C-alpha atoms as a PDB file:
ATOM      1  CA  MET A   1     -15.941 -68.762 -43.633  1.00  0.00           C
ATOM      2  CA  LYS A   2     -15.967 -67.583 -40.817  1.00  0.00           C
ATOM      3  CA  THR A   3     -13.561 -70.561 -39.565  1.00  0.00           C
ATOM      4  CA  LEU A   4     -11.199 -69.861 -41.788  1.00  0.00           C
ATOM      5  CA  LYS A   5     -11.536 -65.948 -40.142  1.00  0.00           C
ATOM      6  CA  ASN A   6     -10.756 -67.557 -37.039  1.00  0.00           C
ATOM      7  CA  THR A   7      -8.672 -69.260 -37.633  1.00  0.00           C
ATOM      8  CA  PHE A   8      -6.181 -66.845 -39.539  1.00  0.00           C
ATOM      9  CA  PHE A   9      -6.871 -64.170 -36.370  1.00  0.00           C
ATOM     10  CA  LEU A  10      -5.454 -66.850 -34.255  1.00  0.00           C
ATOM     11  CA  ALA A  11      -2.383 -67.413 -35.839  1.00  0.00           C
ATOM     12  CA  CYS A  12      -2.232 -63.588 -35.857  1.00  0.00           C
ATOM     13  CA  LEU A  13      -2.195 -63.207 -31.743  1.00  0.00           C
ATOM     14  CA  LEU A  14      -0.264 -66.404 -31.544  1.00  0.00           C
ATOM     15  CA  THR A  15       2.060 -64.802 -34.899  1.00  0.00           C
ATOM     16  CA  VAL A  16       2.418 -61.194 -32.425  1.00  0.00           C
ATOM     17  CA  ASN A  17       2.799 -63.399 -29.090  1.00  0.00           C
ATOM     18  CA  PHE A  18       5.748 -64.855 -29.797  1.00  0.00           C
ATOM     19  CA  ALA A  19       7.593 -62.007 -31.446  1.00  0.00           C
ATOM     20  CA  PHE A  20       6.684 -59.851 -27.892  1.00  0.00           C
ATOM     21  CA  SER A  21       7.979 -63.001 -26.385  1.00  0.00           C
ATOM     22  CA  ALA A  22      11.358 -62.766 -28.720  1.00  0.00           C
ATOM     23  CA  LEU A  23      12.176 -59.410 -27.350  1.00  0.00           C
ATOM     24  CA  ALA A  24      11.772 -59.838 -23.817  1.00  0.00           C
ATOM     25  CA  LYS A  25      14.011 -63.390 -24.169  1.00  0.00           C
ATOM     26  CA  ASP A  26      16.735 -60.806 -25.872  1.00  0.00           C
ATOM     27  CA  LYS A  27      16.368 -58.085 -23.420  1.00  0.00           C
ATOM     28  CA  ASN A  28      16.779 -60.903 -20.457  1.00  0.00           C
ATOM     29  CA  ASN A  29      19.528 -62.092 -22.051  1.00  0.00           C
ATOM     30  CA  VAL A  30      21.326 -58.836 -22.724  1.00  0.00           C
ATOM     31  CA  GLN A  31      20.213 -58.308 -18.634  1.00  0.00           C
ATOM     32  CA  GLN A  32      22.622 -61.149 -17.823  1.00  0.00           C
ATOM     33  CA  THR A  33      25.424 -60.196 -19.383  1.00  0.00           C
ATOM     34  CA  LEU A  34      28.394 -58.839 -17.034  1.00  0.00           C
ATOM     35  CA  THR A  35      29.015 -56.045 -19.765  1.00  0.00           C
ATOM     36  CA  PHE A  36      24.981 -54.625 -19.073  1.00  0.00           C
ATOM     37  CA  SER A  37      25.766 -55.066 -15.455  1.00  0.00           C
ATOM     38  CA  ILE A  38      29.336 -52.768 -15.055  1.00  0.00           C
ATOM     39  CA  ASP A  39      27.708 -50.277 -17.934  1.00  0.00           C
ATOM     40  CA  ASN A  40      24.917 -49.694 -16.040  1.00  0.00           C
ATOM     41  CA  TYR A  41      26.874 -49.033 -12.715  1.00  0.00           C
ATOM     42  CA  ALA A  42      29.483 -46.951 -14.416  1.00  0.00           C
ATOM     43  CA  GLU A  43      26.759 -45.159 -15.764  1.00  0.00           C
ATOM     44  CA  ALA A  44      25.081 -44.456 -12.693  1.00  0.00           C
ATOM     45  CA  LEU A  45      28.256 -43.257 -11.127  1.00  0.00           C
ATOM     46  CA  LYS A  46      28.783 -40.676 -14.541  1.00  0.00           C
ATOM     47  CA  SER A  47      24.969 -39.428 -14.657  1.00  0.00           C
ATOM     48  CA  GLY A  48      23.650 -40.985 -11.188  1.00  0.00           C
ATOM     49  CA  GLN A  49      20.691 -42.705 -13.013  1.00  0.00           C
ATOM     50  CA  SER A  50      20.375 -46.149 -13.919  1.00  0.00           C
ATOM     51  CA  GLN A  51      17.443 -47.483 -14.614  1.00  0.00           C
ATOM     52  CA  TYR A  52      18.783 -51.265 -13.655  1.00  0.00           C
ATOM     53  CA  LEU A  53      20.722 -50.252 -10.829  1.00  0.00           C
ATOM     54  CA  SER A  54      18.390 -51.758  -7.907  1.00  0.00           C
ATOM     55  CA  ASP A  55      18.606 -54.849  -9.931  1.00  0.00           C
ATOM     56  CA  ILE A  56      22.185 -54.541 -10.181  1.00  0.00           C
ATOM     57  CA  LEU A  57      22.993 -54.327  -6.518  1.00  0.00           C
ATOM     58  CA  ALA A  58      23.083 -57.562  -4.511  1.00  0.00           C
ATOM     59  CA  ASN A  59      20.925 -57.337  -1.280  1.00  0.00           C
ATOM     60  CA  ASN A  60      23.480 -57.300   0.509  1.00  0.00           C
ATOM     61  CA  VAL A  61      25.766 -55.618  -1.502  1.00  0.00           C
ATOM     62  CA  LYS A  62      28.645 -53.847   0.463  1.00  0.00           C
ATOM     63  CA  PHE A  63      30.118 -50.135  -0.748  1.00  0.00           C
ATOM     64  CA  ASN A  64      33.920 -48.887   0.838  1.00  0.00           C
ATOM     65  CA  ILE A  65      35.195 -45.910   0.411  1.00  0.00           C
ATOM     66  CA  ASN A  66      38.321 -44.119   1.805  1.00  0.00           C
ATOM     67  CA  ARG A  67      37.976 -40.724   2.413  1.00  0.00           C
ATOM     68  CA  GLY A  68      40.887 -39.051   4.146  1.00  0.00           C
ATOM     69  CA  GLY A  69      42.287 -41.971   5.846  1.00  0.00           C
ATOM     70  CA  LYS A  70      39.052 -42.994   6.963  1.00  0.00           C
ATOM     71  CA  ILE A  71      36.887 -46.293   5.578  1.00  0.00           C
ATOM     72  CA  ILE A  72      32.647 -45.477   4.859  1.00  0.00           C
ATOM     73  CA  THR A  73      30.642 -48.454   4.719  1.00  0.00           C
ATOM     74  CA  TYR A  74      27.237 -48.687   3.791  1.00  0.00           C
ATOM     75  CA  GLY A  75      24.669 -51.185   1.791  1.00  0.00           C
ATOM     76  CA  LYS A  76      21.832 -50.846  -1.080  1.00  0.00           C
ATOM     77  CA  ALA A  77      19.240 -48.801   0.675  1.00  0.00           C
ATOM     78  CA  GLU A  78      22.174 -46.546   1.317  1.00  0.00           C
ATOM     79  CA  ALA A  79      23.296 -46.331  -2.259  1.00  0.00           C
ATOM     80  CA  LEU A  80      20.321 -46.878  -3.824  1.00  0.00           C
ATOM     81  CA  LYS A  81      19.099 -43.491  -2.026  1.00  0.00           C
ATOM     82  CA  GLU A  82      22.343 -41.372  -2.564  1.00  0.00           C
ATOM     83  CA  ASN A  83      22.404 -42.220  -6.460  1.00  0.00           C
ATOM     84  CA  LYS A  84      18.552 -41.041  -6.221  1.00  0.00           C
ATOM     85  CA  GLN A  85      19.670 -37.868  -4.434  1.00  0.00           C
ATOM     86  CA  ASN A  86      22.854 -36.716  -7.248  1.00  0.00           C
ATOM     87  CA  GLY A  87      20.190 -38.095 -10.103  1.00  0.00           C
ATOM     88  CA  LYS A  88      21.237 -34.948 -11.832  1.00  0.00           C
ATOM     89  CA  ILE A  89      24.897 -34.253 -11.251  1.00  0.00           C
ATOM     90  CA  ILE A  90      26.681 -35.315 -14.250  1.00  0.00           C
ATOM     91  CA  GLN A  91      30.179 -35.956 -12.994  1.00  0.00           C
ATOM     92  CA  ASN A  92      32.968 -34.218 -15.314  1.00  0.00           C
ATOM     93  CA  CYS A  93      34.885 -37.107 -15.357  1.00  0.00           C
ATOM     94  CA  GLU A  94      36.052 -40.158 -17.761  1.00  0.00           C
ATOM     95  CA  ILE A  95      35.049 -43.367 -17.232  1.00  0.00           C
ATOM     96  CA  SER A  96      36.525 -46.826 -18.445  1.00  0.00           C
ATOM     97  CA  HIS A  97      36.715 -50.396 -16.915  1.00  0.00           C
ATOM     98  CA  GLN A  98      38.630 -53.702 -17.464  1.00  0.00           C
ATOM     99  CA  VAL A  99      37.413 -57.081 -15.872  1.00  0.00           C
ATOM    100  CA  ILE A 100      40.353 -57.846 -13.856  1.00  0.00           C
ATOM    101  CA  ALA A 101      38.691 -61.739 -13.507  1.00  0.00           C
ATOM    102  CA  GLN A 102      35.994 -63.517 -14.494  1.00  0.00           C
ATOM    103  CA  SER A 103      34.615 -67.119 -13.951  1.00  0.00           C
ATOM    104  CA  ASP A 104      31.288 -68.759 -14.512  1.00  0.00           C
ATOM    105  CA  THR A 105      29.468 -67.455 -12.017  1.00  0.00           C
ATOM    106  CA  TYR A 106      32.573 -64.483  -9.950  1.00  0.00           C
ATOM    107  CA  ALA A 107      33.827 -61.135 -11.875  1.00  0.00           C
ATOM    108  CA  LEU A 108      36.098 -59.013 -10.453  1.00  0.00           C
ATOM    109  CA  ALA A 109      36.677 -55.319 -12.769  1.00  0.00           C
ATOM    110  CA  ASN A 110      38.396 -52.019 -12.259  1.00  0.00           C
ATOM    111  CA  ILE A 111      36.044 -48.972 -12.875  1.00  0.00           C
ATOM    112  CA  SER A 112      37.920 -45.651 -12.843  1.00  0.00           C
ATOM    113  CA  MET A 113      36.686 -42.390 -12.934  1.00  0.00           C
ATOM    114  CA  LYS A 114      39.163 -39.731 -14.205  1.00  0.00           C
ATOM    115  CA  TYR A 115      39.074 -36.069 -13.027  1.00  0.00           C
ATOM    116  CA  GLU A 116      41.346 -33.029 -13.993  1.00  0.00           C
ATOM    117  CA  ASN A 117      43.176 -33.291 -10.613  1.00  0.00           C
ATOM    118  CA  PHE A 118      42.918 -36.788  -9.168  1.00  0.00           C
ATOM    119  CA  THR A 119      40.670 -40.518  -9.868  1.00  0.00           C
ATOM    120  CA  ARG A 120      39.062 -42.637  -8.368  1.00  0.00           C
ATOM    121  CA  GLU A 121      39.129 -46.496  -8.550  1.00  0.00           C
ATOM    122  CA  ASN A 122      36.258 -48.592  -8.099  1.00  0.00           C
ATOM    123  CA  ILE A 123      37.114 -51.876  -7.511  1.00  0.00           C
ATOM    124  CA  VAL A 124      33.818 -54.446  -7.557  1.00  0.00           C
ATOM    125  CA  SER A 125      33.241 -57.478  -7.025  1.00  0.00           C
ATOM    126  CA  PHE A 126      30.082 -59.607  -9.515  1.00  0.00           C
ATOM    127  CA  THR A 127      28.479 -62.739  -9.046  1.00  0.00           C
ATOM    128  CA  LYS A 128      26.273 -64.393 -10.497  1.00  0.00           C
ATOM    129  CA  GLN A 129      22.829 -64.772  -8.718  1.00  0.00           C
ATOM    130  CA  ASP A 130      19.509 -65.580 -10.993  1.00  0.00           C
ATOM    131  CA  GLY A 131      21.486 -65.706 -14.146  1.00  0.00           C
ATOM    132  CA  ILE A 132      22.191 -61.808 -13.351  1.00  0.00           C
ATOM    133  CA  TRP A 133      25.885 -60.250 -12.677  1.00  0.00           C
ATOM    134  CA  LYS A 134      25.163 -58.471  -9.281  1.00  0.00           C
ATOM    135  CA  ILE A 135      27.585 -56.400  -7.596  1.00  0.00           C
ATOM    136  CA  THR A 136      28.404 -57.607  -3.817  1.00  0.00           C
ATOM    137  CA  GLU A 137      30.917 -55.445  -3.394  1.00  0.00           C
ATOM    138  CA  VAL A 138      33.157 -52.267  -4.468  1.00  0.00           C
ATOM    139  CA  ASN A 139      36.105 -50.635  -2.427  1.00  0.00           C
ATOM    140  CA  SER A 140      36.721 -47.002  -3.798  1.00  0.00           C
ATOM    141  CA  VAL A 141      40.151 -45.581  -3.358  1.00  0.00           C
ATOM    142  CA  PHE A 142      41.075 -41.937  -4.272  1.00  0.00           C
ATOM    143  CA  LYS A 143      44.511 -41.529  -6.337  1.00  0.00           C
END
C-alpha cells in the first residue's frame, strides 16, 4: 500500500511539473514572435512601461531622433533610463503599427504615434537573435 501511495505521489508531481513546463514553454513561444516585440515597444512608447523592454532591445541598439534639424543618437542604456524616468507619463496619442518587410531573421516596421497636432513616425529594425525579435535600430521623424 505504501508503494502505491508513493507511486501516486510521484505521478502527481510529474504531472504538475509537466503542466508548469508547458506553460513556461508557451510563454517563451509568445515572447519569440515579432508581434510580441512590436506590441511591447509600442506599449513602452505609449505608457513608458514595458517589463520586457530590456529583453527586446539588442545590446547594440541605436536610436536616432530628428529634432529641430539635429540628429540625436543614443543607445540601450539611455533608452532604458529614459523609459524608467517617463514610466508614469502616458502619451496622449494613438499608436498604430505596420510591418513593412519581414524575413526569417529581419523585419522592418513603422510604429506611428499620432498626436493632435503632429505625428511621430518610428521606423524600427528588428533582427531575430537567440530566437527573440530584438530591436536593433529606431529612426524617429516628426511630421
